[in-house]
């Protein structure tokens, strides 16, 4: 009898361990897919470098205004990128904590930023700044924790509100990038559309041909970038929804329904990442 009881207890413990690993497996896969999403950093750099691309097409008066705008963009660029880096570090840490092996995250403390600046014309609001501060504190606490499974639970439960706010900040900023790109597109393509019809002399034929080729290339470039904005926003929305769903189901991550839902978000994020890479 005693031996049978021990066997049953052993099977029960093994079953619980297996269930825990399965549940954390979905957490790890979602965190990995979220961290690898991509797109935002590239679009942030494109936003920063707007003036470098559009300056050849600007009138002297418009260029003076554009130089001032360029200075403001470069002043906030580090903060814009810091938000993404912190969210990626959160997801990477969550993935590592949900893994099978032991972990030592002490070296990642140095990756945390020192804070953001809320500027009225940057798009960042005070709640975004507060969420960034809250996330860095949470990461510091979790990274120094010795309790792996408990840290996963802590991150998802305590971090969800800040995760949602930081993703909101990234979506807001991506829309600002998109608007800046639209203004750039109007400036650049508008110049060609206005000037090409005016060049109707025989001696302008070669110049017009080159201008038309350049116009085609720029039109294709802006069309491609427009799609990347949409993909980046879709990806960020998927990350927000997936993390919220994970937070709501922390007590039943091993259920078939929760695992299926998280797997669906992972699938969607991988498709979006592949589309961004292909372009």
C-alpha atoms as a PDB file:
ATOM      1  CA  UNK A   1       0.000   0.000   0.000  1.00  0.00           C
ATOM      2  CA  UNK A   2       2.738   2.441   0.983  1.00  0.00           C
ATOM      3  CA  UNK A   3       4.554   1.755  -2.294  1.00  0.00           C
ATOM      4  CA  UNK A   4       1.359   2.355  -4.264  1.00  0.00           C
ATOM      5  CA  UNK A   5       0.818   5.661  -2.493  1.00  0.00           C
ATOM      6  CA  UNK A   6       4.360   6.752  -3.343  1.00  0.00           C
ATOM      7  CA  UNK A   7       3.838   5.844  -6.987  1.00  0.00           C
ATOM      8  CA  UNK A   8       0.595   7.827  -7.107  1.00  0.00           C
ATOM      9  CA  UNK A   9       2.243  10.821  -5.452  1.00  0.00           C
ATOM     10  CA  UNK A  10       5.110  10.583  -7.935  1.00  0.00           C
ATOM     11  CA  UNK A  11       2.711  10.561 -10.856  1.00  0.00           C
ATOM     12  CA  UNK A  12       0.818  13.521  -9.417  1.00  0.00           C
ATOM     13  CA  UNK A  13       3.984  15.544  -8.942  1.00  0.00           C
ATOM     14  CA  UNK A  14       5.168  14.689 -12.438  1.00  0.00           C
ATOM     15  CA  UNK A  15       1.800  15.700 -13.843  1.00  0.00           C
ATOM     16  CA  UNK A  16       1.883  19.034 -12.045  1.00  0.00           C
ATOM     17  CA  UNK A  17       5.412  19.707 -13.249  1.00  0.00           C
ATOM     18  CA  UNK A  18       4.421  18.885 -16.813  1.00  0.00           C
ATOM     19  CA  UNK A  19       1.383  21.163 -16.605  1.00  0.00           C
ATOM     20  CA  UNK A  20       3.514  24.014 -15.278  1.00  0.00           C
ATOM     21  CA  UNK A  21       6.011  23.624 -18.084  1.00  0.00           C
ATOM     22  CA  UNK A  22       3.242  23.586 -20.697  1.00  0.00           C
ATOM     23  CA  UNK A  23       1.654  26.741 -19.317  1.00  0.00           C
ATOM     24  CA  UNK A  24       4.969  28.562 -19.153  1.00  0.00           C
ATOM     25  CA  UNK A  25       5.757  27.326 -22.651  1.00  0.00           C
ATOM     26  CA  UNK A  26       2.926  29.426 -24.052  1.00  0.00           C
ATOM     27  CA  UNK A  27       4.167  32.420 -22.071  1.00  0.00           C
ATOM     28  CA  UNK A  28       7.672  31.947 -23.454  1.00  0.00           C
ATOM     29  CA  UNK A  29       6.519  31.625 -27.056  1.00  0.00           C
ATOM     30  CA  UNK A  30       4.351  34.729 -26.829  1.00  0.00           C
ATOM     31  CA  UNK A  31       7.134  36.741 -25.182  1.00  0.00           C
ATOM     32  CA  UNK A  32       9.645  35.628 -27.832  1.00  0.00           C
ATOM     33  CA  UNK A  33       7.321  36.540 -30.699  1.00  0.00           C
ATOM     34  CA  UNK A  34       6.593  39.926 -29.123  1.00  0.00           C
ATOM     35  CA  UNK A  35      10.276  40.725 -28.591  1.00  0.00           C
ATOM     36  CA  UNK A  36      11.149  39.832 -32.182  1.00  0.00           C
ATOM     37  CA  UNK A  37       8.285  41.716 -33.824  1.00  0.00           C
ATOM     38  CA  UNK A  38      10.431  44.502 -35.271  1.00  0.00           C
ATOM     39  CA  UNK A  39       9.445  47.482 -37.396  1.00  0.00           C
ATOM     40  CA  UNK A  40       9.167  50.182 -34.741  1.00  0.00           C
ATOM     41  CA  UNK A  41      12.882  50.930 -34.394  1.00  0.00           C
ATOM     42  CA  UNK A  42      13.316  51.290 -38.149  1.00  0.00           C
ATOM     43  CA  UNK A  43      10.308  53.609 -38.405  1.00  0.00           C
ATOM     44  CA  UNK A  44      11.660  55.670 -35.500  1.00  0.00           C
ATOM     45  CA  UNK A  45      14.947  56.153 -37.345  1.00  0.00           C
ATOM     46  CA  UNK A  46      13.080  57.078 -40.515  1.00  0.00           C
ATOM     47  CA  UNK A  47      11.146  59.703 -38.564  1.00  0.00           C
ATOM     48  CA  UNK A  48      14.364  61.091 -37.100  1.00  0.00           C
ATOM     49  CA  UNK A  49      15.982  61.340 -40.555  1.00  0.00           C
ATOM     50  CA  UNK A  50      13.033  63.008 -42.318  1.00  0.00           C
ATOM     51  CA  UNK A  51      14.920  66.240 -42.959  1.00  0.00           C
ATOM     52  CA  UNK A  52      17.872  64.426 -44.551  1.00  0.00           C
ATOM     53  CA  UNK A  53      15.561  62.950 -47.181  1.00  0.00           C
ATOM     54  CA  UNK A  54      13.293  65.906 -47.881  1.00  0.00           C
ATOM     55  CA  UNK A  55      15.783  68.802 -47.752  1.00  0.00           C
ATOM     56  CA  UNK A  56      16.757  68.611 -51.479  1.00  0.00           C
ATOM     57  CA  UNK A  57      13.120  69.170 -52.402  1.00  0.00           C
ATOM     58  CA  UNK A  58      12.427  72.133 -50.080  1.00  0.00           C
ATOM     59  CA  UNK A  59      12.286  75.820 -50.888  1.00  0.00           C
ATOM     60  CA  UNK A  60      14.654  78.045 -48.848  1.00  0.00           C
ATOM     61  CA  UNK A  61      11.786  79.256 -46.667  1.00  0.00           C
ATOM     62  CA  UNK A  62      10.443  75.740 -46.058  1.00  0.00           C
ATOM     63  CA  UNK A  63      13.948  74.495 -45.304  1.00  0.00           C
ATOM     64  CA  UNK A  64      14.354  76.911 -42.394  1.00  0.00           C
ATOM     65  CA  UNK A  65      11.185  75.582 -40.799  1.00  0.00           C
ATOM     66  CA  UNK A  66      12.240  71.998 -41.527  1.00  0.00           C
ATOM     67  CA  UNK A  67      15.597  72.525 -39.791  1.00  0.00           C
ATOM     68  CA  UNK A  68      13.831  73.571 -36.599  1.00  0.00           C
ATOM     69  CA  UNK A  69      11.544  70.555 -36.817  1.00  0.00           C
ATOM     70  CA  UNK A  70      14.563  68.331 -37.410  1.00  0.00           C
ATOM     71  CA  UNK A  71      16.181  69.556 -34.205  1.00  0.00           C
ATOM     72  CA  UNK A  72      13.033  68.750 -32.224  1.00  0.00           C
ATOM     73  CA  UNK A  73      12.790  65.262 -33.726  1.00  0.00           C
ATOM     74  CA  UNK A  74      16.377  64.449 -32.856  1.00  0.00           C
ATOM     75  CA  UNK A  75      15.898  65.744 -29.313  1.00  0.00           C
ATOM     76  CA  UNK A  76      13.141  63.200 -28.603  1.00  0.00           C
ATOM     77  CA  UNK A  77      14.502  60.281 -30.623  1.00  0.00           C
ATOM     78  CA  UNK A  78      16.347  58.600 -27.741  1.00  0.00           C
ATOM     79  CA  UNK A  79      13.200  58.637 -25.608  1.00  0.00           C
ATOM     80  CA  UNK A  80      11.118  57.169 -28.414  1.00  0.00           C
ATOM     81  CA  UNK A  81      13.562  54.308 -28.871  1.00  0.00           C
ATOM     82  CA  UNK A  82      13.965  53.785 -25.111  1.00  0.00           C
ATOM     83  CA  UNK A  83      10.281  52.876 -24.844  1.00  0.00           C
ATOM     84  CA  UNK A  84      10.688  50.086 -27.380  1.00  0.00           C
ATOM     85  CA  UNK A  85      13.942  48.842 -25.826  1.00  0.00           C
ATOM     86  CA  UNK A  86      12.293  48.612 -22.412  1.00  0.00           C
ATOM     87  CA  UNK A  87       9.298  46.717 -23.766  1.00  0.00           C
ATOM     88  CA  UNK A  88      11.612  44.312 -25.612  1.00  0.00           C
ATOM     89  CA  UNK A  89      13.660  43.817 -22.428  1.00  0.00           C
ATOM     90  CA  UNK A  90      10.441  43.066 -20.559  1.00  0.00           C
ATOM     91  CA  UNK A  91       9.475  40.411 -23.102  1.00  0.00           C
ATOM     92  CA  UNK A  92      12.986  38.934 -23.210  1.00  0.00           C
ATOM     93  CA  UNK A  93      13.059  38.743 -19.422  1.00  0.00           C
ATOM     94  CA  UNK A  94       9.612  37.163 -19.321  1.00  0.00           C
ATOM     95  CA  UNK A  95      10.698  34.578 -21.894  1.00  0.00           C
ATOM     96  CA  UNK A  96      13.829  33.738 -19.928  1.00  0.00           C
ATOM     97  CA  UNK A  97      11.941  33.424 -16.659  1.00  0.00           C
ATOM     98  CA  UNK A  98       9.442  31.098 -18.337  1.00  0.00           C
ATOM     99  CA  UNK A  99      12.235  28.881 -19.646  1.00  0.00           C
ATOM    100  CA  UNK A 100      13.405  25.517 -18.354  1.00  0.00           C
ATOM    101  CA  UNK A 101      16.851  26.470 -17.091  1.00  0.00           C
ATOM    102  CA  UNK A 102      18.289  28.599 -14.343  1.00  0.00           C
ATOM    103  CA  UNK A 103      18.742  32.265 -15.032  1.00  0.00           C
ATOM    104  CA  UNK A 104      20.986  35.140 -14.053  1.00  0.00           C
ATOM    105  CA  UNK A 105      19.641  38.480 -15.218  1.00  0.00           C
ATOM    106  CA  UNK A 106      21.792  40.741 -13.073  1.00  0.00           C
ATOM    107  CA  UNK A 107      23.697  41.991 -16.116  1.00  0.00           C
ATOM    108  CA  UNK A 108      20.508  43.328 -17.651  1.00  0.00           C
ATOM    109  CA  UNK A 109      20.119  45.984 -14.982  1.00  0.00           C
ATOM    110  CA  UNK A 110      22.510  48.131 -17.002  1.00  0.00           C
ATOM    111  CA  UNK A 111      20.121  47.985 -20.000  1.00  0.00           C
ATOM    112  CA  UNK A 112      17.439  49.943 -18.183  1.00  0.00           C
ATOM    113  CA  UNK A 113      17.077  53.623 -19.060  1.00  0.00           C
ATOM    114  CA  UNK A 114      17.198  56.559 -16.689  1.00  0.00           C
ATOM    115  CA  UNK A 115      13.814  58.072 -17.531  1.00  0.00           C
ATOM    116  CA  UNK A 116      11.807  59.879 -20.171  1.00  0.00           C
ATOM    117  CA  UNK A 117      10.880  63.506 -20.706  1.00  0.00           C
ATOM    118  CA  UNK A 118       7.230  64.441 -21.234  1.00  0.00           C
ATOM    119  CA  UNK A 119       7.205  67.134 -23.929  1.00  0.00           C
ATOM    120  CA  UNK A 120       3.976  68.650 -25.148  1.00  0.00           C
ATOM    121  CA  UNK A 121       4.923  68.500 -28.814  1.00  0.00           C
ATOM    122  CA  UNK A 122       6.543  65.052 -28.767  1.00  0.00           C
ATOM    123  CA  UNK A 123       3.410  62.944 -28.471  1.00  0.00           C
ATOM    124  CA  UNK A 124       4.460  61.462 -25.125  1.00  0.00           C
ATOM    125  CA  UNK A 125       2.097  62.085 -22.228  1.00  0.00           C
ATOM    126  CA  UNK A 126       2.797  61.998 -18.510  1.00  0.00           C
ATOM    127  CA  UNK A 127       1.081  58.617 -18.195  1.00  0.00           C
ATOM    128  CA  UNK A 128       3.546  57.213 -20.743  1.00  0.00           C
ATOM    129  CA  UNK A 129       6.448  58.560 -18.715  1.00  0.00           C
ATOM    130  CA  UNK A 130       4.968  57.110 -15.523  1.00  0.00           C
ATOM    131  CA  UNK A 131       4.494  53.705 -17.174  1.00  0.00           C
ATOM    132  CA  UNK A 132       8.114  53.713 -18.337  1.00  0.00           C
ATOM    133  CA  UNK A 133       9.267  54.445 -14.787  1.00  0.00           C
ATOM    134  CA  UNK A 134       6.989  51.749 -13.403  1.00  0.00           C
ATOM    135  CA  UNK A 135       8.277  49.210 -15.909  1.00  0.00           C
ATOM    136  CA  UNK A 136      11.925  49.881 -15.085  1.00  0.00           C
ATOM    137  CA  UNK A 137      11.161  49.419 -11.392  1.00  0.00           C
ATOM    138  CA  UNK A 138       9.316  46.178 -12.059  1.00  0.00           C
ATOM    139  CA  UNK A 139      12.162  44.832 -14.179  1.00  0.00           C
ATOM    140  CA  UNK A 140      14.682  45.754 -11.520  1.00  0.00           C
ATOM    141  CA  UNK A 141      12.639  43.905  -8.907  1.00  0.00           C
ATOM    142  CA  UNK A 142      12.058  40.832 -11.048  1.00  0.00           C
ATOM    143  CA  UNK A 143      15.623  40.614 -12.337  1.00  0.00           C
ATOM    144  CA  UNK A 144      16.920  40.482  -8.755  1.00  0.00           C
ATOM    145  CA  UNK A 145      14.289  37.923  -7.681  1.00  0.00           C
ATOM    146  CA  UNK A 146      15.266  34.346  -6.916  1.00  0.00           C
ATOM    147  CA  UNK A 147      11.845  32.850  -7.493  1.00  0.00           C
ATOM    148  CA  UNK A 148      11.483  31.988 -11.160  1.00  0.00           C
ATOM    149  CA  UNK A 149       7.837  30.895 -11.429  1.00  0.00           C
ATOM    150  CA  UNK A 150       6.756  33.550  -8.982  1.00  0.00           C
ATOM    151  CA  UNK A 151       8.577  36.160 -11.082  1.00  0.00           C
ATOM    152  CA  UNK A 152       6.612  35.141 -14.181  1.00  0.00           C
ATOM    153  CA  UNK A 153       3.386  35.602 -12.257  1.00  0.00           C
ATOM    154  CA  UNK A 154       4.585  38.916 -10.833  1.00  0.00           C
ATOM    155  CA  UNK A 155       5.619  40.302 -14.195  1.00  0.00           C
ATOM    156  CA  UNK A 156       2.379  39.477 -15.952  1.00  0.00           C
ATOM    157  CA  UNK A 157       0.083  40.586 -13.136  1.00  0.00           C
ATOM    158  CA  UNK A 158       1.979  43.673 -11.999  1.00  0.00           C
ATOM    159  CA  UNK A 159       3.353  44.646 -15.399  1.00  0.00           C
ATOM    160  CA  UNK A 160       0.233  44.486 -17.540  1.00  0.00           C
ATOM    161  CA  UNK A 161      -0.944  48.061 -16.945  1.00  0.00           C
ATOM    162  CA  UNK A 162       2.471  49.502 -17.804  1.00  0.00           C
ATOM    163  CA  UNK A 163       2.823  47.170 -20.789  1.00  0.00           C
ATOM    164  CA  UNK A 164      -0.511  48.393 -22.144  1.00  0.00           C
ATOM    165  CA  UNK A 165       0.454  52.052 -21.641  1.00  0.00           C
ATOM    166  CA  UNK A 166       3.886  51.652 -23.236  1.00  0.00           C
ATOM    167  CA  UNK A 167       2.357  49.922 -26.251  1.00  0.00           C
ATOM    168  CA  UNK A 168      -0.165  52.752 -26.470  1.00  0.00           C
ATOM    169  CA  UNK A 169       2.760  55.203 -26.507  1.00  0.00           C
ATOM    170  CA  UNK A 170       4.415  53.265 -29.346  1.00  0.00           C
ATOM    171  CA  UNK A 171       1.193  53.206 -31.368  1.00  0.00           C
ATOM    172  CA  UNK A 172       0.702  56.945 -30.812  1.00  0.00           C
ATOM    173  CA  UNK A 173       4.270  57.620 -31.921  1.00  0.00           C
ATOM    174  CA  UNK A 174       3.932  55.350 -34.948  1.00  0.00           C
ATOM    175  CA  UNK A 175       0.933  57.407 -36.041  1.00  0.00           C
ATOM    176  CA  UNK A 176       3.008  60.552 -35.628  1.00  0.00           C
ATOM    177  CA  UNK A 177       5.702  58.955 -37.795  1.00  0.00           C
ATOM    178  CA  UNK A 178       3.050  58.088 -40.364  1.00  0.00           C
ATOM    179  CA  UNK A 179       1.773  61.667 -40.456  1.00  0.00           C
ATOM    180  CA  UNK A 180       5.298  63.032 -40.894  1.00  0.00           C
ATOM    181  CA  UNK A 181       5.870  60.583 -43.731  1.00  0.00           C
ATOM    182  CA  UNK A 182       2.633  61.701 -45.385  1.00  0.00           C
ATOM    183  CA  UNK A 183       3.755  65.334 -45.242  1.00  0.00           C
ATOM    184  CA  UNK A 184       7.113  64.350 -46.686  1.00  0.00           C
ATOM    185  CA  UNK A 185       5.413  62.397 -49.470  1.00  0.00           C
ATOM    186  CA  UNK A 186       3.259  65.396 -50.398  1.00  0.00           C
ATOM    187  CA  UNK A 187       6.305  67.657 -50.468  1.00  0.00           C
ATOM    188  CA  UNK A 188       8.496  65.382 -52.575  1.00  0.00           C
ATOM    189  CA  UNK A 189       5.939  63.996 -55.009  1.00  0.00           C
ATOM    190  CA  UNK A 190       4.186  67.339 -55.221  1.00  0.00           C
ATOM    191  CA  UNK A 191       7.365  68.961 -56.508  1.00  0.00           C
ATOM    192  CA  UNK A 192       7.694  66.434 -59.316  1.00  0.00           C
ATOM    193  CA  UNK A 193       4.028  66.592 -60.237  1.00  0.00           C
ATOM    194  CA  UNK A 194       4.233  70.383 -60.463  1.00  0.00           C
ATOM    195  CA  UNK A 195       7.562  70.697 -62.263  1.00  0.00           C
ATOM    196  CA  UNK A 196       7.534  67.840 -64.799  1.00  0.00           C
ATOM    197  CA  UNK A 197       4.619  69.248 -66.868  1.00  0.00           C
ATOM    198  CA  UNK A 198       6.448  72.597 -67.022  1.00  0.00           C
ATOM    199  CA  UNK A 199       9.550  71.042 -68.609  1.00  0.00           C
ATOM    200  CA  UNK A 200       8.168  70.730 -72.168  1.00  0.00           C
ATOM    201  CA  UNK A 201      11.124  71.859 -74.263  1.00  0.00           C
ATOM    202  CA  UNK A 202      12.942  69.337 -76.454  1.00  0.00           C
ATOM    203  CA  UNK A 203      16.123  70.042 -74.539  1.00  0.00           C
ATOM    204  CA  UNK A 204      14.401  68.956 -71.322  1.00  0.00           C
ATOM    205  CA  UNK A 205      13.622  65.448 -72.566  1.00  0.00           C
ATOM    206  CA  UNK A 206      16.469  63.673 -70.771  1.00  0.00           C
ATOM    207  CA  UNK A 207      15.830  65.657 -67.593  1.00  0.00           C
ATOM    208  CA  UNK A 208      12.142  64.806 -67.684  1.00  0.00           C
ATOM    209  CA  UNK A 209      12.899  61.112 -68.211  1.00  0.00           C
ATOM    210  CA  UNK A 210      15.215  61.021 -65.214  1.00  0.00           C
ATOM    211  CA  UNK A 211      12.684  62.925 -63.144  1.00  0.00           C
ATOM    212  CA  UNK A 212       9.928  60.454 -64.042  1.00  0.00           C
ATOM    213  CA  UNK A 213      12.114  57.501 -63.067  1.00  0.00           C
ATOM    214  CA  UNK A 214      12.927  59.169 -59.758  1.00  0.00           C
ATOM    215  CA  UNK A 215       9.238  59.906 -59.212  1.00  0.00           C
ATOM    216  CA  UNK A 216       8.359  56.243 -59.784  1.00  0.00           C
ATOM    217  CA  UNK A 217      11.006  55.119 -57.310  1.00  0.00           C
ATOM    218  CA  UNK A 218       9.878  57.581 -54.633  1.00  0.00           C
ATOM    219  CA  UNK A 219       6.230  56.650 -55.164  1.00  0.00           C
ATOM    220  CA  UNK A 220       7.072  52.977 -54.644  1.00  0.00           C
ATOM    221  CA  UNK A 221       9.135  53.832 -51.555  1.00  0.00           C
ATOM    222  CA  UNK A 222       6.297  55.729 -49.881  1.00  0.00           C
ATOM    223  CA  UNK A 223       3.803  52.991 -50.720  1.00  0.00           C
ATOM    224  CA  UNK A 224       6.081  50.431 -49.079  1.00  0.00           C
ATOM    225  CA  UNK A 225       6.629  52.560 -45.985  1.00  0.00           C
ATOM    226  CA  UNK A 226       2.877  53.183 -45.628  1.00  0.00           C
ATOM    227  CA  UNK A 227       2.361  49.429 -45.447  1.00  0.00           C
ATOM    228  CA  UNK A 228       5.075  49.101 -42.803  1.00  0.00           C
ATOM    229  CA  UNK A 229       3.292  51.630 -40.587  1.00  0.00           C
ATOM    230  CA  UNK A 230       0.115  49.572 -40.807  1.00  0.00           C
ATOM    231  CA  UNK A 231       1.952  46.319 -40.079  1.00  0.00           C
ATOM    232  CA  UNK A 232       3.796  47.821 -37.100  1.00  0.00           C
ATOM    233  CA  UNK A 233       0.560  49.125 -35.601  1.00  0.00           C
ATOM    234  CA  UNK A 234      -1.155  45.783 -36.154  1.00  0.00           C
ATOM    235  CA  UNK A 235       1.728  43.978 -34.462  1.00  0.00           C
ATOM    236  CA  UNK A 236       1.729  46.264 -31.441  1.00  0.00           C
ATOM    237  CA  UNK A 237      -2.026  45.840 -31.080  1.00  0.00           C
ATOM    238  CA  UNK A 238      -1.590  42.042 -31.148  1.00  0.00           C
ATOM    239  CA  UNK A 239       1.057  42.257 -28.410  1.00  0.00           C
ATOM    240  CA  UNK A 240      -1.254  44.371 -26.248  1.00  0.00           C
ATOM    241  CA  UNK A 241      -4.222  42.044 -26.726  1.00  0.00           C
ATOM    242  CA  UNK A 242      -2.149  38.912 -26.161  1.00  0.00           C
ATOM    243  CA  UNK A 243      -0.614  40.218 -22.948  1.00  0.00           C
ATOM    244  CA  UNK A 244      -4.006  41.301 -21.648  1.00  0.00           C
ATOM    245  CA  UNK A 245      -5.419  37.853 -22.383  1.00  0.00           C
ATOM    246  CA  UNK A 246      -2.451  36.262 -20.619  1.00  0.00           C
ATOM    247  CA  UNK A 247      -3.036  38.498 -17.601  1.00  0.00           C
ATOM    248  CA  UNK A 248      -6.712  37.524 -17.467  1.00  0.00           C
ATOM    249  CA  UNK A 249      -5.866  33.817 -17.560  1.00  0.00           C
ATOM    250  CA  UNK A 250      -2.809  33.542 -15.336  1.00  0.00           C
ATOM    251  CA  UNK A 251      -4.623  31.022 -13.129  1.00  0.00           C
ATOM    252  CA  UNK A 252      -5.560  28.785 -16.063  1.00  0.00           C
ATOM    253  CA  UNK A 253      -2.702  29.033 -18.531  1.00  0.00           C
ATOM    254  CA  UNK A 254      -2.714  25.280 -18.970  1.00  0.00           C
ATOM    255  CA  UNK A 255      -6.302  25.183 -20.196  1.00  0.00           C
ATOM    256  CA  UNK A 256      -6.768  24.212 -23.812  1.00  0.00           C
ATOM    257  CA  UNK A 257      -8.655  27.410 -24.592  1.00  0.00           C
ATOM    258  CA  UNK A 258      -5.981  29.730 -23.155  1.00  0.00           C
ATOM    259  CA  UNK A 259      -3.202  27.828 -24.884  1.00  0.00           C
ATOM    260  CA  UNK A 260      -5.087  28.036 -28.196  1.00  0.00           C
ATOM    261  CA  UNK A 261      -5.659  31.776 -27.810  1.00  0.00           C
ATOM    262  CA  UNK A 262      -2.008  32.502 -27.005  1.00  0.00           C
ATOM    263  CA  UNK A 263      -0.878  30.273 -29.868  1.00  0.00           C
ATOM    264  CA  UNK A 264      -3.103  32.310 -32.175  1.00  0.00           C
ATOM    265  CA  UNK A 265      -1.413  35.536 -31.141  1.00  0.00           C
ATOM    266  CA  UNK A 266       2.005  33.959 -31.635  1.00  0.00           C
ATOM    267  CA  UNK A 267       0.985  32.841 -35.117  1.00  0.00           C
ATOM    268  CA  UNK A 268      -0.276  36.331 -36.014  1.00  0.00           C
ATOM    269  CA  UNK A 269       2.855  38.023 -34.659  1.00  0.00           C
ATOM    270  CA  UNK A 270       5.096  35.699 -36.637  1.00  0.00           C
ATOM    271  CA  UNK A 271       3.157  36.437 -39.824  1.00  0.00           C
ATOM    272  CA  UNK A 272       3.468  40.191 -39.244  1.00  0.00           C
ATOM    273  CA  UNK A 273       7.193  39.877 -38.503  1.00  0.00           C
ATOM    274  CA  UNK A 274       7.715  37.870 -41.682  1.00  0.00           C
ATOM    275  CA  UNK A 275       5.813  40.492 -43.696  1.00  0.00           C
ATOM    276  CA  UNK A 276       7.977  43.253 -42.224  1.00  0.00           C
ATOM    277  CA  UNK A 277      11.136  41.278 -42.999  1.00  0.00           C
ATOM    278  CA  UNK A 278      10.035  40.497 -46.536  1.00  0.00           C
ATOM    279  CA  UNK A 279       9.585  44.165 -47.285  1.00  0.00           C
END
